[in-house]
Each structure stands twice: as structure tokens, then as C-alpha cells.
Amino acid sequence: MGLVATTTSERRSTDDREAETTSLWSALREVMDPEVPVSLVDLGLIYDVRQLDGRVEVDLSFTATACPAMGFIKDDIRERLLAEPGVEEVSIEVVWEPPWTPDRISETGKRQLESFGISL
């Protein structure tokens, strides 16, 4: 009860989508915050990434509603993702829920921030 049978092609399609999403997360890990050289992913600013055909949607938050680098960051995300094979369009949705907190920073991000003298 509750189980749905899937065909091999449906499973392959799901596996392909997961692989594409993984490569997009890897690409986003290369996009650095313009103020401190830590990736947006490690800072916990990227909430979600979805891809359907050639369109990629990114849910992005910021540490403050008046972040002066918002435009630069969105441009960097768009530019990096458009360099990925099969990506034709990038849509970035700025989200404020749930609010960003330092708890979203990865362990790697925390170590990098500490190496720059920023304590959490």
C-alpha cells in the first residue's frame, strides 16, 4: 500500500535529474560571496536548486534585506549556471522564509570564516 511501481525509464529519468542537480550544486559551490571568499553554498544562502529541461530555478536568500551585493551575487549565480551544459535559462527567486541564520553555514564555511578572523 502506498508504493508506486516505476519503469526503468522513469528511474533512469529520476537518476538523471539527481545527477544534474548535483552538478548544479557543485557549480554553485564555485560562486563566492563578494565580501568574503566563501561559497554561497557554504554560507547557506542557496536554499534549493531545481532543473527542468534547460531551465534552472534557484532559491536564494541573503544575510540582510538591504545587502548591497544582491545584484552582483545574482549575476554571478546566473553566469556560472549558464556555463553548465544544457542550462539555457536561470531564474533566481529571493526567499526570506525561513530566515537565514548563521546555523545554515556549513562546517567548511565556518572554518573558512574563522581563517579570515570572523568568529561565529
N, C-alpha and C. Protein backbone atom coordinates (compact mmCIF):
# COMPACT_ATOMS: atom_id res chain seq x y z
N MET A 1 0.85 -1.17 0.00
CA MET A 1 0.00 0.00 0.00
C MET A 1 0.89 1.24 0.00
N GLY A 2 0.58 2.21 -0.85
CA GLY A 2 1.35 3.43 -0.91
C GLY A 2 2.56 3.36 -1.83
N LEU A 3 2.91 2.19 -2.32
CA LEU A 3 4.04 2.07 -3.23
C LEU A 3 3.56 2.26 -4.65
N VAL A 4 4.39 2.92 -5.44
CA VAL A 4 4.06 3.15 -6.84
C VAL A 4 5.13 2.49 -7.68
N ALA A 5 4.72 1.64 -8.60
CA ALA A 5 5.67 0.98 -9.48
C ALA A 5 6.24 1.99 -10.47
N THR A 6 7.54 1.91 -10.70
CA THR A 6 8.16 2.78 -11.69
C THR A 6 8.84 1.91 -12.74
N THR A 7 8.87 2.42 -13.94
CA THR A 7 9.54 1.71 -15.02
C THR A 7 11.02 2.05 -14.98
N THR A 8 11.81 1.28 -15.71
CA THR A 8 13.25 1.54 -15.78
C THR A 8 13.52 2.93 -16.33
N SER A 9 12.75 3.35 -17.35
CA SER A 9 12.98 4.68 -17.93
C SER A 9 12.63 5.78 -16.93
N GLU A 10 11.60 5.57 -16.08
CA GLU A 10 11.27 6.56 -15.06
C GLU A 10 12.39 6.65 -14.03
N ARG A 11 12.94 5.51 -13.62
CA ARG A 11 14.05 5.51 -12.66
C ARG A 11 15.27 6.19 -13.26
N ARG A 12 15.57 5.89 -14.50
CA ARG A 12 16.71 6.49 -15.18
C ARG A 12 16.52 8.00 -15.25
N SER A 13 15.30 8.43 -15.57
CA SER A 13 15.00 9.84 -15.66
C SER A 13 15.22 10.52 -14.30
N THR A 14 14.77 9.88 -13.23
CA THR A 14 14.97 10.41 -11.88
C THR A 14 16.45 10.46 -11.56
N ASP A 15 17.19 9.42 -11.89
CA ASP A 15 18.64 9.40 -11.65
C ASP A 15 19.33 10.51 -12.42
N ASP A 16 18.92 10.74 -13.67
CA ASP A 16 19.50 11.81 -14.47
C ASP A 16 19.25 13.17 -13.84
N ARG A 17 18.02 13.39 -13.36
CA ARG A 17 17.68 14.67 -12.72
C ARG A 17 18.52 14.88 -11.46
N GLU A 18 18.70 13.83 -10.67
CA GLU A 18 19.51 13.94 -9.46
C GLU A 18 20.96 14.25 -9.81
N ALA A 19 21.49 13.64 -10.86
CA ALA A 19 22.87 13.91 -11.28
C ALA A 19 23.01 15.35 -11.76
N GLU A 20 22.01 15.83 -12.51
CA GLU A 20 22.05 17.22 -12.97
C GLU A 20 22.03 18.18 -11.80
N THR A 21 21.17 17.91 -10.83
CA THR A 21 21.08 18.79 -9.66
C THR A 21 22.39 18.77 -8.88
N THR A 22 23.01 17.62 -8.74
CA THR A 22 24.29 17.52 -8.05
C THR A 22 25.34 18.36 -8.75
N SER A 23 25.37 18.33 -10.08
CA SER A 23 26.36 19.12 -10.81
C SER A 23 26.06 20.62 -10.66
N LEU A 24 24.80 20.98 -10.56
CA LEU A 24 24.45 22.39 -10.35
C LEU A 24 24.89 22.87 -8.97
N TRP A 25 24.71 22.04 -7.95
CA TRP A 25 25.18 22.39 -6.61
C TRP A 25 26.70 22.55 -6.62
N SER A 26 27.40 21.67 -7.33
CA SER A 26 28.85 21.78 -7.43
C SER A 26 29.26 23.08 -8.11
N ALA A 27 28.54 23.44 -9.17
CA ALA A 27 28.83 24.70 -9.86
C ALA A 27 28.59 25.89 -8.94
N LEU A 28 27.50 25.84 -8.19
CA LEU A 28 27.19 26.95 -7.27
C LEU A 28 28.20 27.06 -6.15
N ARG A 29 28.84 25.95 -5.80
CA ARG A 29 29.88 25.99 -4.76
C ARG A 29 31.07 26.86 -5.21
N GLU A 30 31.18 27.11 -6.51
CA GLU A 30 32.26 27.95 -7.05
C GLU A 30 31.93 29.44 -6.99
N VAL A 31 30.67 29.77 -6.68
CA VAL A 31 30.27 31.18 -6.63
C VAL A 31 30.53 31.69 -5.20
N MET A 32 31.41 32.67 -5.12
CA MET A 32 31.85 33.19 -3.82
C MET A 32 31.09 34.46 -3.44
N ASP A 33 30.94 34.63 -2.14
CA ASP A 33 30.41 35.89 -1.62
C ASP A 33 31.42 36.98 -1.98
N PRO A 34 30.97 38.13 -2.46
CA PRO A 34 31.92 39.17 -2.88
C PRO A 34 32.66 39.83 -1.73
N GLU A 35 32.18 39.68 -0.50
CA GLU A 35 32.84 40.32 0.64
C GLU A 35 33.84 39.40 1.35
N VAL A 36 33.54 38.12 1.40
CA VAL A 36 34.47 37.14 1.98
C VAL A 36 34.54 35.96 1.01
N PRO A 37 35.72 35.44 0.73
CA PRO A 37 35.82 34.36 -0.26
C PRO A 37 35.36 33.00 0.27
N VAL A 38 34.06 32.91 0.53
CA VAL A 38 33.42 31.68 0.96
C VAL A 38 32.24 31.47 0.01
N SER A 39 32.03 30.23 -0.40
CA SER A 39 30.97 29.97 -1.38
C SER A 39 29.59 30.26 -0.80
N LEU A 40 28.69 30.65 -1.69
CA LEU A 40 27.31 30.90 -1.28
C LEU A 40 26.67 29.64 -0.72
N VAL A 41 27.07 28.49 -1.25
CA VAL A 41 26.54 27.21 -0.75
C VAL A 41 27.00 27.01 0.69
N ASP A 42 28.29 27.21 0.96
CA ASP A 42 28.80 27.00 2.32
C ASP A 42 28.27 28.04 3.30
N LEU A 43 27.91 29.22 2.80
CA LEU A 43 27.30 30.23 3.67
C LEU A 43 25.83 29.92 3.94
N GLY A 44 25.28 28.94 3.23
CA GLY A 44 23.89 28.56 3.43
C GLY A 44 22.90 29.51 2.78
N LEU A 45 23.35 30.26 1.78
CA LEU A 45 22.48 31.22 1.12
C LEU A 45 21.66 30.61 -0.01
N ILE A 46 22.11 29.48 -0.55
CA ILE A 46 21.35 28.77 -1.58
C ILE A 46 20.45 27.77 -0.87
N TYR A 47 19.15 27.99 -1.00
CA TYR A 47 18.18 27.13 -0.30
C TYR A 47 17.77 25.93 -1.14
N ASP A 48 17.67 26.10 -2.46
CA ASP A 48 17.25 24.99 -3.30
C ASP A 48 17.64 25.28 -4.74
N VAL A 49 17.81 24.20 -5.51
CA VAL A 49 18.09 24.28 -6.94
C VAL A 49 17.25 23.22 -7.63
N ARG A 50 16.55 23.64 -8.68
CA ARG A 50 15.71 22.71 -9.44
C ARG A 50 16.01 22.90 -10.92
N GLN A 51 15.95 21.80 -11.66
CA GLN A 51 16.16 21.90 -13.11
C GLN A 51 15.08 21.11 -13.82
N LEU A 52 14.50 21.73 -14.82
CA LEU A 52 13.55 21.06 -15.69
C LEU A 52 13.91 21.45 -17.11
N ASP A 53 14.32 20.45 -17.86
CA ASP A 53 14.81 20.69 -19.22
C ASP A 53 15.97 21.69 -19.13
N GLY A 54 15.94 22.77 -19.87
CA GLY A 54 17.04 23.72 -19.86
C GLY A 54 16.88 24.86 -18.87
N ARG A 55 15.83 24.82 -18.06
CA ARG A 55 15.56 25.90 -17.10
C ARG A 55 15.99 25.49 -15.69
N VAL A 56 16.75 26.36 -15.04
CA VAL A 56 17.19 26.13 -13.67
C VAL A 56 16.57 27.20 -12.79
N GLU A 57 16.02 26.78 -11.67
CA GLU A 57 15.45 27.70 -10.68
C GLU A 57 16.27 27.59 -9.41
N VAL A 58 16.64 28.75 -8.86
CA VAL A 58 17.44 28.80 -7.64
C VAL A 58 16.67 29.59 -6.60
N ASP A 59 16.57 29.04 -5.39
CA ASP A 59 16.04 29.79 -4.25
C ASP A 59 17.24 30.30 -3.47
N LEU A 60 17.31 31.61 -3.33
CA LEU A 60 18.47 32.28 -2.75
C LEU A 60 18.01 33.21 -1.64
N SER A 61 18.76 33.24 -0.57
CA SER A 61 18.49 34.20 0.49
C SER A 61 19.74 35.04 0.72
N PHE A 62 19.60 36.04 1.53
CA PHE A 62 20.71 36.91 1.87
C PHE A 62 20.77 37.06 3.39
N THR A 63 21.90 37.56 3.86
CA THR A 63 22.06 37.75 5.30
C THR A 63 21.30 38.96 5.79
N ALA A 64 20.96 39.88 4.88
CA ALA A 64 20.22 41.09 5.23
C ALA A 64 19.36 41.53 4.06
N THR A 65 18.23 42.14 4.35
CA THR A 65 17.32 42.56 3.28
C THR A 65 17.89 43.70 2.44
N ALA A 66 18.86 44.42 2.98
CA ALA A 66 19.45 45.54 2.24
C ALA A 66 20.88 45.23 1.80
N CYS A 67 21.17 43.97 1.54
CA CYS A 67 22.52 43.58 1.13
C CYS A 67 22.90 44.34 -0.14
N PRO A 68 23.99 45.13 -0.09
CA PRO A 68 24.36 45.91 -1.27
C PRO A 68 24.88 45.06 -2.43
N ALA A 69 25.20 43.80 -2.17
CA ALA A 69 25.77 42.95 -3.22
C ALA A 69 24.73 42.05 -3.90
N MET A 70 23.46 42.25 -3.63
CA MET A 70 22.41 41.38 -4.19
C MET A 70 22.53 41.23 -5.70
N GLY A 71 22.64 42.32 -6.41
CA GLY A 71 22.71 42.27 -7.87
C GLY A 71 23.94 41.52 -8.35
N PHE A 72 25.09 41.79 -7.73
CA PHE A 72 26.33 41.11 -8.12
C PHE A 72 26.22 39.61 -7.89
N ILE A 73 25.67 39.22 -6.75
CA ILE A 73 25.55 37.81 -6.42
C ILE A 73 24.62 37.10 -7.41
N LYS A 74 23.49 37.70 -7.70
CA LYS A 74 22.56 37.09 -8.66
C LYS A 74 23.19 36.98 -10.04
N ASP A 75 23.92 38.00 -10.45
CA ASP A 75 24.61 37.94 -11.75
C ASP A 75 25.65 36.82 -11.77
N ASP A 76 26.41 36.68 -10.67
CA ASP A 76 27.42 35.62 -10.60
C ASP A 76 26.79 34.24 -10.66
N ILE A 77 25.67 34.05 -9.97
CA ILE A 77 24.96 32.76 -9.99
C ILE A 77 24.49 32.46 -11.41
N ARG A 78 23.85 33.44 -12.02
CA ARG A 78 23.31 33.25 -13.38
C ARG A 78 24.44 32.91 -14.36
N GLU A 79 25.53 33.69 -14.31
CA GLU A 79 26.65 33.48 -15.22
C GLU A 79 27.25 32.08 -15.05
N ARG A 80 27.43 31.65 -13.80
CA ARG A 80 28.04 30.34 -13.55
C ARG A 80 27.15 29.21 -14.02
N LEU A 81 25.86 29.30 -13.74
CA LEU A 81 24.96 28.21 -14.14
C LEU A 81 24.76 28.15 -15.64
N LEU A 82 24.74 29.29 -16.31
CA LEU A 82 24.59 29.28 -17.77
C LEU A 82 25.80 28.65 -18.46
N ALA A 83 26.92 28.52 -17.75
CA ALA A 83 28.10 27.86 -18.31
C ALA A 83 27.98 26.33 -18.23
N GLU A 84 26.98 25.83 -17.51
CA GLU A 84 26.79 24.38 -17.38
C GLU A 84 26.10 23.82 -18.63
N PRO A 85 26.51 22.63 -19.06
CA PRO A 85 25.87 22.01 -20.23
C PRO A 85 24.37 21.85 -20.03
N GLY A 86 23.61 22.22 -21.03
CA GLY A 86 22.17 22.03 -21.00
C GLY A 86 21.38 23.12 -20.30
N VAL A 87 22.06 24.07 -19.67
CA VAL A 87 21.34 25.15 -18.98
C VAL A 87 21.16 26.30 -19.97
N GLU A 88 19.91 26.62 -20.22
CA GLU A 88 19.58 27.68 -21.17
C GLU A 88 18.99 28.91 -20.50
N GLU A 89 18.41 28.72 -19.32
CA GLU A 89 17.75 29.81 -18.62
C GLU A 89 17.92 29.62 -17.12
N VAL A 90 18.13 30.71 -16.40
CA VAL A 90 18.28 30.66 -14.94
C VAL A 90 17.31 31.66 -14.33
N SER A 91 16.49 31.17 -13.43
CA SER A 91 15.56 32.01 -12.69
C SER A 91 15.97 31.99 -11.22
N ILE A 92 16.14 33.17 -10.64
CA ILE A 92 16.56 33.25 -9.24
C ILE A 92 15.44 33.89 -8.43
N GLU A 93 14.98 33.16 -7.46
CA GLU A 93 13.92 33.64 -6.56
C GLU A 93 14.56 33.97 -5.22
N VAL A 94 14.45 35.21 -4.81
CA VAL A 94 14.95 35.61 -3.49
C VAL A 94 13.88 35.24 -2.47
N VAL A 95 14.30 34.47 -1.48
CA VAL A 95 13.37 33.99 -0.45
C VAL A 95 13.83 34.48 0.92
N TRP A 96 12.88 34.76 1.75
CA TRP A 96 13.19 35.23 3.11
C TRP A 96 12.67 34.28 4.17
N GLU A 97 11.99 33.23 3.76
CA GLU A 97 11.47 32.22 4.69
C GLU A 97 12.01 30.87 4.30
N PRO A 98 12.60 30.13 5.17
CA PRO A 98 12.92 30.56 6.53
C PRO A 98 14.04 31.60 6.50
N PRO A 99 14.08 32.45 7.51
CA PRO A 99 15.13 33.47 7.54
C PRO A 99 16.51 32.83 7.62
N TRP A 100 17.48 33.47 6.97
CA TRP A 100 18.86 32.98 7.05
C TRP A 100 19.38 33.24 8.46
N THR A 101 20.10 32.26 9.00
CA THR A 101 20.80 32.42 10.28
C THR A 101 22.18 31.79 10.12
N PRO A 102 23.11 32.13 11.00
CA PRO A 102 24.45 31.51 10.93
C PRO A 102 24.42 29.98 11.06
N ASP A 103 23.33 29.44 11.58
CA ASP A 103 23.21 27.97 11.69
C ASP A 103 23.22 27.30 10.32
N ARG A 104 22.92 28.05 9.27
CA ARG A 104 22.90 27.50 7.92
C ARG A 104 24.31 27.34 7.32
N ILE A 105 25.30 27.95 7.94
CA ILE A 105 26.68 27.88 7.42
C ILE A 105 27.21 26.47 7.64
N SER A 106 27.80 25.90 6.59
CA SER A 106 28.38 24.56 6.69
C SER A 106 29.64 24.58 7.57
N GLU A 107 30.09 23.41 7.98
CA GLU A 107 31.33 23.33 8.77
C GLU A 107 32.50 23.89 7.97
N THR A 108 32.53 23.59 6.66
CA THR A 108 33.58 24.13 5.80
C THR A 108 33.53 25.66 5.81
N GLY A 109 32.34 26.21 5.67
CA GLY A 109 32.17 27.66 5.68
C GLY A 109 32.61 28.27 7.00
N LYS A 110 32.29 27.62 8.11
CA LYS A 110 32.69 28.13 9.43
C LYS A 110 34.20 28.16 9.55
N ARG A 111 34.86 27.09 9.10
CA ARG A 111 36.33 27.05 9.16
C ARG A 111 36.94 28.16 8.29
N GLN A 112 36.38 28.36 7.10
CA GLN A 112 36.89 29.41 6.22
C GLN A 112 36.71 30.79 6.84
N LEU A 113 35.54 31.04 7.40
CA LEU A 113 35.29 32.34 8.05
C LEU A 113 36.24 32.56 9.21
N GLU A 114 36.45 31.53 10.01
CA GLU A 114 37.38 31.64 11.13
C GLU A 114 38.79 31.92 10.66
N SER A 115 39.19 31.37 9.50
CA SER A 115 40.53 31.61 8.99
C SER A 115 40.71 33.07 8.56
N PHE A 116 39.59 33.77 8.32
CA PHE A 116 39.64 35.19 7.97
C PHE A 116 39.41 36.07 9.20
N GLY A 117 39.36 35.44 10.36
CA GLY A 117 39.20 36.20 11.60
C GLY A 117 37.76 36.53 11.94
N ILE A 118 36.83 35.85 11.29
CA ILE A 118 35.41 36.08 11.56
C ILE A 118 34.93 34.95 12.46
N SER A 119 34.53 35.30 13.68
CA SER A 119 34.07 34.27 14.60
C SER A 119 32.54 34.23 14.62
N LEU A 120 32.03 33.07 14.88
CA LEU A 120 30.57 32.90 14.91
C LEU A 120 30.10 32.60 16.32
